[in-house]
Amino acid sequence: MLQTFRATLRGDSLEWGEEVQRLFRDDRPVQVLVTILEEEPTQEKNGRGQRMAAVLEKLAQAQAFAGIDPVAWQRDVRQDRELPGRNE
């Protein structure tokens, strides 16, 4: 059975989280498969949020949604739909 645990790769060593340390207290060898997760740099994430906020501010100033009735929009979006397998 495959289980998923978080670890941080530093150089050629894995630093395991506490849940792994509790499960494997002895020094017996354990086979692992490691997948490297690509993460966006923090600076890029912050910049993207700031750009989004600026665009939303421009939309608000331009009153881009002034012609939309929010109550009618919500009513339209929340229309009941048939549930899969329950057509009876």
PDB file of N, CA and C in Angstrom:
ATOM      1  N   MET A   1       0.838  -1.179   0.000  1.00  0.00           N
ATOM      2  CA  MET A   1       0.000   0.000   0.000  1.00  0.00           C
ATOM      3  C   MET A   1       0.884   1.244   0.000  1.00  0.00           C
ATOM      4  N   LEU A   2       0.570   2.179  -0.880  1.00  0.00           N
ATOM      5  CA  LEU A   2       1.332   3.420  -0.944  1.00  0.00           C
ATOM      6  C   LEU A   2       0.751   4.440   0.022  1.00  0.00           C
ATOM      7  N   GLN A   3       1.619   5.103   0.748  1.00  0.00           N
ATOM      8  CA  GLN A   3       1.226   6.189   1.632  1.00  0.00           C
ATOM      9  C   GLN A   3       1.991   7.432   1.195  1.00  0.00           C
ATOM     10  N   THR A   4       1.427   8.586   1.426  1.00  0.00           N
ATOM     11  CA  THR A   4       2.071   9.836   1.037  1.00  0.00           C
ATOM     12  C   THR A   4       2.472  10.608   2.284  1.00  0.00           C
ATOM     13  N   PHE A   5       3.723  11.051   2.305  1.00  0.00           N
ATOM     14  CA  PHE A   5       4.248  11.837   3.414  1.00  0.00           C
ATOM     15  C   PHE A   5       4.988  13.038   2.838  1.00  0.00           C
ATOM     16  N   ARG A   6       5.062  14.097   3.598  1.00  0.00           N
ATOM     17  CA  ARG A   6       5.797  15.287   3.160  1.00  0.00           C
ATOM     18  C   ARG A   6       7.229  15.227   3.688  1.00  0.00           C
ATOM     19  N   ALA A   7       8.143  15.683   2.840  1.00  0.00           N
ATOM     20  CA  ALA A   7       9.546  15.775   3.223  1.00  0.00           C
ATOM     21  C   ALA A   7      10.156  16.935   2.450  1.00  0.00           C
ATOM     22  N   THR A   8      11.280  17.418   2.946  1.00  0.00           N
ATOM     23  CA  THR A   8      12.014  18.475   2.261  1.00  0.00           C
ATOM     24  C   THR A   8      13.363  17.913   1.848  1.00  0.00           C
ATOM     25  N   LEU A   9      13.710  18.085   0.581  1.00  0.00           N
ATOM     26  CA  LEU A   9      14.992  17.611   0.068  1.00  0.00           C
ATOM     27  C   LEU A   9      16.017  18.718   0.236  1.00  0.00           C
ATOM     28  N   ARG A  10      17.069  18.430   0.986  1.00  0.00           N
ATOM     29  CA  ARG A  10      18.170  19.383   1.171  1.00  0.00           C
ATOM     30  C   ARG A  10      19.443  18.662   0.739  1.00  0.00           C
ATOM     31  N   GLY A  11      19.978  19.105  -0.389  1.00  0.00           N
ATOM     32  CA  GLY A  11      21.145  18.416  -0.932  1.00  0.00           C
ATOM     33  C   GLY A  11      20.748  17.012  -1.337  1.00  0.00           C
ATOM     34  N   ASP A  12      21.375  16.007  -0.708  1.00  0.00           N
ATOM     35  CA  ASP A  12      21.028  14.619  -1.020  1.00  0.00           C
ATOM     36  C   ASP A  12      20.317  13.934   0.148  1.00  0.00           C
ATOM     37  N   SER A  13      19.745  14.720   1.059  1.00  0.00           N
ATOM     38  CA  SER A  13      19.047  14.154   2.219  1.00  0.00           C
ATOM     39  C   SER A  13      17.598  14.620   2.259  1.00  0.00           C
ATOM     40  N   LEU A  14      16.722  13.731   2.710  1.00  0.00           N
ATOM     41  CA  LEU A  14      15.319  14.076   2.908  1.00  0.00           C
ATOM     42  C   LEU A  14      15.083  14.354   4.382  1.00  0.00           C
ATOM     43  N   GLU A  15      14.429  15.470   4.675  1.00  0.00           N
ATOM     44  CA  GLU A  15      14.038  15.791   6.049  1.00  0.00           C
ATOM     45  C   GLU A  15      12.552  15.489   6.160  1.00  0.00           C
ATOM     46  N   TRP A  16      12.224  14.445   6.904  1.00  0.00           N
ATOM     47  CA  TRP A  16      10.842  13.978   7.009  1.00  0.00           C
ATOM     48  C   TRP A  16      10.085  14.760   8.064  1.00  0.00           C
ATOM     49  N   GLY A  17       8.783  14.857   7.882  1.00  0.00           N
ATOM     50  CA  GLY A  17       7.918  15.499   8.859  1.00  0.00           C
ATOM     51  C   GLY A  17       7.715  14.608  10.073  1.00  0.00           C
ATOM     52  N   GLU A  18       7.057  15.145  11.084  1.00  0.00           N
ATOM     53  CA  GLU A  18       6.864  14.422  12.344  1.00  0.00           C
ATOM     54  C   GLU A  18       6.063  13.142  12.182  1.00  0.00           C
ATOM     55  N   GLU A  19       5.079  13.106  11.245  1.00  0.00           N
ATOM     56  CA  GLU A  19       4.248  11.913  11.106  1.00  0.00           C
ATOM     57  C   GLU A  19       5.087  10.709  10.699  1.00  0.00           C
ATOM     58  N   VAL A  20       6.128  10.905   9.903  1.00  0.00           N
ATOM     59  CA  VAL A  20       7.001   9.806   9.496  1.00  0.00           C
ATOM     60  C   VAL A  20       7.864   9.382  10.675  1.00  0.00           C
ATOM     61  N   GLN A  21       8.345  10.330  11.430  1.00  0.00           N
ATOM     62  CA  GLN A  21       9.194  10.014  12.575  1.00  0.00           C
ATOM     63  C   GLN A  21       8.434   9.192  13.605  1.00  0.00           C
ATOM     64  N   ARG A  22       7.126   9.432  13.747  1.00  0.00           N
ATOM     65  CA  ARG A  22       6.326   8.645  14.691  1.00  0.00           C
ATOM     66  C   ARG A  22       6.092   7.233  14.164  1.00  0.00           C
ATOM     67  N   LEU A  23       5.889   7.086  12.854  1.00  0.00           N
ATOM     68  CA  LEU A  23       5.589   5.773  12.279  1.00  0.00           C
ATOM     69  C   LEU A  23       6.805   4.862  12.200  1.00  0.00           C
ATOM     70  N   PHE A  24       7.950   5.418  11.886  1.00  0.00           N
ATOM     71  CA  PHE A  24       9.148   4.613  11.674  1.00  0.00           C
ATOM     72  C   PHE A  24      10.219   4.995  12.690  1.00  0.00           C
ATOM     73  N   ARG A  25      10.042   4.555  13.906  1.00  0.00           N
ATOM     74  CA  ARG A  25      10.984   4.911  14.981  1.00  0.00           C
ATOM     75  C   ARG A  25      12.269   4.087  14.917  1.00  0.00           C
ATOM     76  N   ASP A  26      12.195   2.891  14.340  1.00  0.00           N
ATOM     77  CA  ASP A  26      13.405   2.068  14.261  1.00  0.00           C
ATOM     78  C   ASP A  26      14.214   2.456  13.020  1.00  0.00           C
ATOM     79  N   ASP A  27      15.377   1.852  12.874  1.00  0.00           N
ATOM     80  CA  ASP A  27      16.273   2.210  11.770  1.00  0.00           C
ATOM     81  C   ASP A  27      16.195   1.240  10.600  1.00  0.00           C
ATOM     82  N   ARG A  28      15.102   0.495  10.486  1.00  0.00           N
ATOM     83  CA  ARG A  28      15.002  -0.464   9.375  1.00  0.00           C
ATOM     84  C   ARG A  28      14.870   0.299   8.057  1.00  0.00           C
ATOM     85  N   PRO A  29      15.434  -0.248   6.983  1.00  0.00           N
ATOM     86  CA  PRO A  29      15.335   0.429   5.686  1.00  0.00           C
ATOM     87  C   PRO A  29      13.906   0.398   5.147  1.00  0.00           C
ATOM     88  N   VAL A  30      13.506   1.484   4.520  1.00  0.00           N
ATOM     89  CA  VAL A  30      12.175   1.601   3.931  1.00  0.00           C
ATOM     90  C   VAL A  30      12.355   2.148   2.517  1.00  0.00           C
ATOM     91  N   GLN A  31      11.768   1.465   1.523  1.00  0.00           N
ATOM     92  CA  GLN A  31      11.837   1.968   0.155  1.00  0.00           C
ATOM     93  C   GLN A  31      10.877   3.136  -0.004  1.00  0.00           C
ATOM     94  N   VAL A  32      11.321   4.155  -0.719  1.00  0.00           N
ATOM     95  CA  VAL A  32      10.472   5.316  -0.968  1.00  0.00           C
ATOM     96  C   VAL A  32      10.538   5.687  -2.444  1.00  0.00           C
ATOM     97  N   LEU A  33       9.487   6.310  -2.928  1.00  0.00           N
ATOM     98  CA  LEU A  33       9.461   6.937  -4.245  1.00  0.00           C
ATOM     99  C   LEU A  33       9.355   8.431  -3.998  1.00  0.00           C
ATOM    100  N   VAL A  34      10.164   9.212  -4.661  1.00  0.00           N
ATOM    101  CA  VAL A  34      10.181  10.650  -4.421  1.00  0.00           C
ATOM    102  C   VAL A  34       9.750  11.380  -5.690  1.00  0.00           C
ATOM    103  N   THR A  35       8.789  12.277  -5.548  1.00  0.00           N
ATOM    104  CA  THR A  35       8.342  13.129  -6.642  1.00  0.00           C
ATOM    105  C   THR A  35       8.688  14.565  -6.286  1.00  0.00           C
ATOM    106  N   ILE A  36       9.396  15.240  -7.157  1.00  0.00           N
ATOM    107  CA  ILE A  36       9.763  16.630  -6.904  1.00  0.00           C
ATOM    108  C   ILE A  36       8.591  17.516  -7.321  1.00  0.00           C
ATOM    109  N   LEU A  37       8.088  18.314  -6.389  1.00  0.00           N
ATOM    110  CA  LEU A  37       6.988  19.238  -6.659  1.00  0.00           C
ATOM    111  C   LEU A  37       7.566  20.575  -7.088  1.00  0.00           C
ATOM    112  N   GLU A  38       7.137  21.057  -8.235  1.00  0.00           N
ATOM    113  CA  GLU A  38       7.604  22.360  -8.690  1.00  0.00           C
ATOM    114  C   GLU A  38       6.745  23.432  -8.048  1.00  0.00           C
ATOM    115  N   GLU A  39       7.374  24.341  -7.364  1.00  0.00           N
ATOM    116  CA  GLU A  39       6.657  25.422  -6.701  1.00  0.00           C
ATOM    117  C   GLU A  39       7.030  26.741  -7.355  1.00  0.00           C
ATOM    118  N   GLU A  40       6.047  27.627  -7.451  1.00  0.00           N
ATOM    119  CA  GLU A  40       6.320  28.956  -7.971  1.00  0.00           C
ATOM    120  C   GLU A  40       7.108  29.732  -6.924  1.00  0.00           C
ATOM    121  N   PRO A  41       8.045  30.540  -7.356  1.00  0.00           N
ATOM    122  CA  PRO A  41       8.743  31.381  -6.381  1.00  0.00           C
ATOM    123  C   PRO A  41       7.742  32.277  -5.653  1.00  0.00           C
ATOM    124  N   THR A  42       7.963  32.486  -4.375  1.00  0.00           N
ATOM    125  CA  THR A  42       7.058  33.291  -3.559  1.00  0.00           C
ATOM    126  C   THR A  42       6.893  34.688  -4.137  1.00  0.00           C
ATOM    127  N   GLN A  43       7.962  35.232  -4.662  1.00  0.00           N
ATOM    128  CA  GLN A  43       7.906  36.579  -5.221  1.00  0.00           C
ATOM    129  C   GLN A  43       6.919  36.632  -6.390  1.00  0.00           C
ATOM    130  N   GLU A  44       6.913  35.599  -7.233  1.00  0.00           N
ATOM    131  CA  GLU A  44       5.997  35.571  -8.376  1.00  0.00           C
ATOM    132  C   GLU A  44       4.552  35.458  -7.904  1.00  0.00           C
ATOM    133  N   LYS A  45       4.300  34.669  -6.851  1.00  0.00           N
ATOM    134  CA  LYS A  45       2.946  34.541  -6.311  1.00  0.00           C
ATOM    135  C   LYS A  45       2.442  35.889  -5.812  1.00  0.00           C
ATOM    136  N   ASN A  46       3.290  36.609  -5.080  1.00  0.00           N
ATOM    137  CA  ASN A  46       2.888  37.912  -4.549  1.00  0.00           C
ATOM    138  C   ASN A  46       2.621  38.894  -5.676  1.00  0.00           C
ATOM    139  N   GLY A  47       3.457  38.903  -6.687  1.00  0.00           N
ATOM    140  CA  GLY A  47       3.277  39.810  -7.810  1.00  0.00           C
ATOM    141  C   GLY A  47       1.985  39.532  -8.554  1.00  0.00           C
ATOM    142  N   ARG A  48       1.640  38.262  -8.696  1.00  0.00           N
ATOM    143  CA  ARG A  48       0.411  37.901  -9.395  1.00  0.00           C
ATOM    144  C   ARG A  48      -0.805  38.399  -8.624  1.00  0.00           C
ATOM    145  N   GLY A  49      -0.782  38.282  -7.310  1.00  0.00           N
ATOM    146  CA  GLY A  49      -1.892  38.767  -6.487  1.00  0.00           C
ATOM    147  C   GLY A  49      -2.045  40.274  -6.574  1.00  0.00           C
ATOM    148  N   GLN A  50      -0.923  40.969  -6.593  1.00  0.00           N
ATOM    149  CA  GLN A  50      -0.968  42.427  -6.707  1.00  0.00           C
ATOM    150  C   GLN A  50      -1.505  42.852  -8.069  1.00  0.00           C
ATOM    151  N   ARG A  51      -1.113  42.126  -9.126  1.00  0.00           N
ATOM    152  CA  ARG A  51      -1.633  42.452 -10.466  1.00  0.00           C
ATOM    153  C   ARG A  51      -3.134  42.206 -10.520  1.00  0.00           C
ATOM    154  N   MET A  52      -3.583  41.116  -9.901  1.00  0.00           N
ATOM    155  CA  MET A  52      -5.017  40.813  -9.896  1.00  0.00           C
ATOM    156  C   MET A  52      -5.787  41.904  -9.154  1.00  0.00           C
ATOM    157  N   ALA A  53      -5.261  42.358  -8.024  1.00  0.00           N
ATOM    158  CA  ALA A  53      -5.924  43.416  -7.260  1.00  0.00           C
ATOM    159  C   ALA A  53      -6.009  44.700  -8.084  1.00  0.00           C
ATOM    160  N   ALA A  54      -4.957  45.012  -8.831  1.00  0.00           N
ATOM    161  CA  ALA A  54      -4.961  46.223  -9.658  1.00  0.00           C
ATOM    162  C   ALA A  54      -6.010  46.123 -10.766  1.00  0.00           C
ATOM    163  N   VAL A  55      -6.123  44.959 -11.390  1.00  0.00           N
ATOM    164  CA  VAL A  55      -7.117  44.765 -12.451  1.00  0.00           C
ATOM    165  C   VAL A  55      -8.524  44.871 -11.880  1.00  0.00           C
ATOM    166  N   LEU A  56      -8.765  44.270 -10.724  1.00  0.00           N
ATOM    167  CA  LEU A  56     -10.088  44.355 -10.097  1.00  0.00           C
ATOM    168  C   LEU A  56     -10.433  45.796  -9.728  1.00  0.00           C
ATOM    169  N   GLU A  57      -9.442  46.546  -9.288  1.00  0.00           N
ATOM    170  CA  GLU A  57      -9.662  47.960  -8.967  1.00  0.00           C
ATOM    171  C   GLU A  57     -10.058  48.741 -10.221  1.00  0.00           C
ATOM    172  N   LYS A  58      -9.391  48.455 -11.344  1.00  0.00           N
ATOM    173  CA  LYS A  58      -9.743  49.129 -12.603  1.00  0.00           C
ATOM    174  C   LYS A  58     -11.164  48.770 -13.028  1.00  0.00           C
ATOM    175  N   LEU A  59     -11.546  47.503 -12.872  1.00  0.00           N
ATOM    176  CA  LEU A  59     -12.912  47.092 -13.212  1.00  0.00           C
ATOM    177  C   LEU A  59     -13.933  47.826 -12.348  1.00  0.00           C
ATOM    178  N   ALA A  60     -13.614  47.987 -11.067  1.00  0.00           N
ATOM    179  CA  ALA A  60     -14.528  48.688 -10.166  1.00  0.00           C
ATOM    180  C   ALA A  60     -14.658  50.156 -10.564  1.00  0.00           C
ATOM    181  N   GLN A  61     -13.553  50.786 -10.904  1.00  0.00           N
ATOM    182  CA  GLN A  61     -13.588  52.194 -11.309  1.00  0.00           C
ATOM    183  C   GLN A  61     -14.357  52.382 -12.614  1.00  0.00           C
ATOM    184  N   ALA A  62     -14.254  51.409 -13.514  1.00  0.00           N
ATOM    185  CA  ALA A  62     -14.949  51.500 -14.800  1.00  0.00           C
ATOM    186  C   ALA A  62     -16.411  51.076 -14.686  1.00  0.00           C
ATOM    187  N   GLN A  63     -16.817  50.643 -13.502  1.00  0.00           N
ATOM    188  CA  GLN A  63     -18.179  50.153 -13.258  1.00  0.00           C
ATOM    189  C   GLN A  63     -18.568  49.102 -14.299  1.00  0.00           C
ATOM    190  N   ALA A  64     -17.648  48.153 -14.507  1.00  0.00           N
ATOM    191  CA  ALA A  64     -17.827  47.131 -15.533  1.00  0.00           C
ATOM    192  C   ALA A  64     -19.035  46.239 -15.276  1.00  0.00           C
ATOM    193  N   PHE A  65     -19.435  46.110 -14.035  1.00  0.00           N
ATOM    194  CA  PHE A  65     -20.543  45.219 -13.699  1.00  0.00           C
ATOM    195  C   PHE A  65     -21.791  45.978 -13.253  1.00  0.00           C
ATOM    196  N   ALA A  66     -21.846  47.260 -13.536  1.00  0.00           N
ATOM    197  CA  ALA A  66     -22.967  48.090 -13.086  1.00  0.00           C
ATOM    198  C   ALA A  66     -24.289  47.655 -13.711  1.00  0.00           C
ATOM    199  N   GLY A  67     -24.258  47.101 -14.915  1.00  0.00           N
ATOM    200  CA  GLY A  67     -25.487  46.698 -15.591  1.00  0.00           C
ATOM    201  C   GLY A  67     -25.993  45.325 -15.195  1.00  0.00           C
ATOM    202  N   ILE A  68     -25.314  44.677 -14.272  1.00  0.00           N
ATOM    203  CA  ILE A  68     -25.706  43.326 -13.856  1.00  0.00           C
ATOM    204  C   ILE A  68     -26.438  43.401 -12.524  1.00  0.00           C
ATOM    205  N   ASP A  69     -27.634  42.835 -12.484  1.00  0.00           N
ATOM    206  CA  ASP A  69     -28.405  42.767 -11.239  1.00  0.00           C
ATOM    207  C   ASP A  69     -27.887  41.568 -10.445  1.00  0.00           C
ATOM    208  N   PRO A  70     -27.242  41.784  -9.289  1.00  0.00           N
ATOM    209  CA  PRO A  70     -26.643  40.673  -8.553  1.00  0.00           C
ATOM    210  C   PRO A  70     -27.661  39.630  -8.093  1.00  0.00           C
ATOM    211  N   VAL A  71     -28.870  40.052  -7.761  1.00  0.00           N
ATOM    212  CA  VAL A  71     -29.898  39.102  -7.315  1.00  0.00           C
ATOM    213  C   VAL A  71     -30.318  38.208  -8.478  1.00  0.00           C
ATOM    214  N   ALA A  72     -30.535  38.802  -9.647  1.00  0.00           N
ATOM    215  CA  ALA A  72     -30.915  38.018 -10.824  1.00  0.00           C
ATOM    216  C   ALA A  72     -29.781  37.091 -11.238  1.00  0.00           C
ATOM    217  N   TRP A  73     -28.537  37.582 -11.164  1.00  0.00           N
ATOM    218  CA  TRP A  73     -27.382  36.757 -11.521  1.00  0.00           C
ATOM    219  C   TRP A  73     -27.298  35.540 -10.606  1.00  0.00           C
ATOM    220  N   GLN A  74     -27.439  35.763  -9.296  1.00  0.00           N
ATOM    221  CA  GLN A  74     -27.348  34.656  -8.350  1.00  0.00           C
ATOM    222  C   GLN A  74     -28.479  33.656  -8.575  1.00  0.00           C
ATOM    223  N   ARG A  75     -29.674  34.147  -8.830  1.00  0.00           N
ATOM    224  CA  ARG A  75     -30.816  33.266  -9.084  1.00  0.00           C
ATOM    225  C   ARG A  75     -30.538  32.401 -10.317  1.00  0.00           C
ATOM    226  N   ASP A  76     -29.974  33.005 -11.359  1.00  0.00           N
ATOM    227  CA  ASP A  76     -29.669  32.284 -12.590  1.00  0.00           C
ATOM    228  C   ASP A  76     -28.591  31.228 -12.352  1.00  0.00           C
ATOM    229  N   VAL A  77     -27.554  31.588 -11.606  1.00  0.00           N
ATOM    230  CA  VAL A  77     -26.450  30.668 -11.342  1.00  0.00           C
ATOM    231  C   VAL A  77     -26.901  29.497 -10.477  1.00  0.00           C
ATOM    232  N   ARG A  78     -27.799  29.729  -9.549  1.00  0.00           N
ATOM    233  CA  ARG A  78     -28.212  28.699  -8.602  1.00  0.00           C
ATOM    234  C   ARG A  78     -29.429  27.898  -9.052  1.00  0.00           C
ATOM    235  N   GLN A  79     -29.758  27.931 -10.322  1.00  0.00           N
ATOM    236  CA  GLN A  79     -30.886  27.135 -10.796  1.00  0.00           C
ATOM    237  C   GLN A  79     -30.625  25.665 -10.500  1.00  0.00           C
ATOM    238  N   ASP A  80     -31.700  24.962 -10.111  1.00  0.00           N
ATOM    239  CA  ASP A  80     -31.563  23.537  -9.826  1.00  0.00           C
ATOM    240  C   ASP A  80     -31.212  22.785 -11.098  1.00  0.00           C
ATOM    241  N   ARG A  81     -30.276  21.861 -10.950  1.00  0.00           N
ATOM    242  CA  ARG A  81     -29.886  21.008 -12.062  1.00  0.00           C
ATOM    243  C   ARG A  81     -30.217  19.566 -11.710  1.00  0.00           C
ATOM    244  N   GLU A  82     -30.425  18.741 -12.734  1.00  0.00           N
ATOM    245  CA  GLU A  82     -30.671  17.326 -12.482  1.00  0.00           C
ATOM    246  C   GLU A  82     -29.394  16.692 -11.953  1.00  0.00           C
ATOM    247  N   LEU A  83     -29.540  15.839 -10.960  1.00  0.00           N
ATOM    248  CA  LEU A  83     -28.392  15.130 -10.427  1.00  0.00           C
ATOM    249  C   LEU A  83     -28.125  13.900 -11.280  1.00  0.00           C
ATOM    250  N   PRO A  84     -26.864  13.573 -11.518  1.00  0.00           N
ATOM    251  CA  PRO A  84     -26.540  12.408 -12.339  1.00  0.00           C
ATOM    252  C   PRO A  84     -27.132  11.129 -11.742  1.00  0.00           C
ATOM    253  N   GLY A  85     -27.759  10.319 -12.589  1.00  0.00           N
ATOM    254  CA  GLY A  85     -28.317   9.045 -12.143  1.00  0.00           C
ATOM    255  C   GLY A  85     -29.626   9.171 -11.398  1.00  0.00           C
ATOM    256  N   ARG A  86     -30.222  10.348 -11.377  1.00  0.00           N
ATOM    257  CA  ARG A  86     -31.475  10.546 -10.628  1.00  0.00           C
ATOM    258  C   ARG A  86     -32.554  11.166 -11.513  1.00  0.00           C
ATOM    259  N   ASN A  87     -32.687  10.652 -12.715  1.00  0.00           N
ATOM    260  CA  ASN A  87     -33.649  11.195 -13.674  1.00  0.00           C
ATOM    261  C   ASN A  87     -35.058  10.673 -13.453  1.00  0.00           C
ATOM    262  N   GLU A  88     -35.269   9.846 -12.474  1.00  0.00           N
ATOM    263  CA  GLU A  88     -36.570   9.197 -12.274  1.00  0.00           C
ATOM    264  C   GLU A  88     -37.581  10.119 -11.677  1.00  0.00           C
TER     265      GLU A  88
END
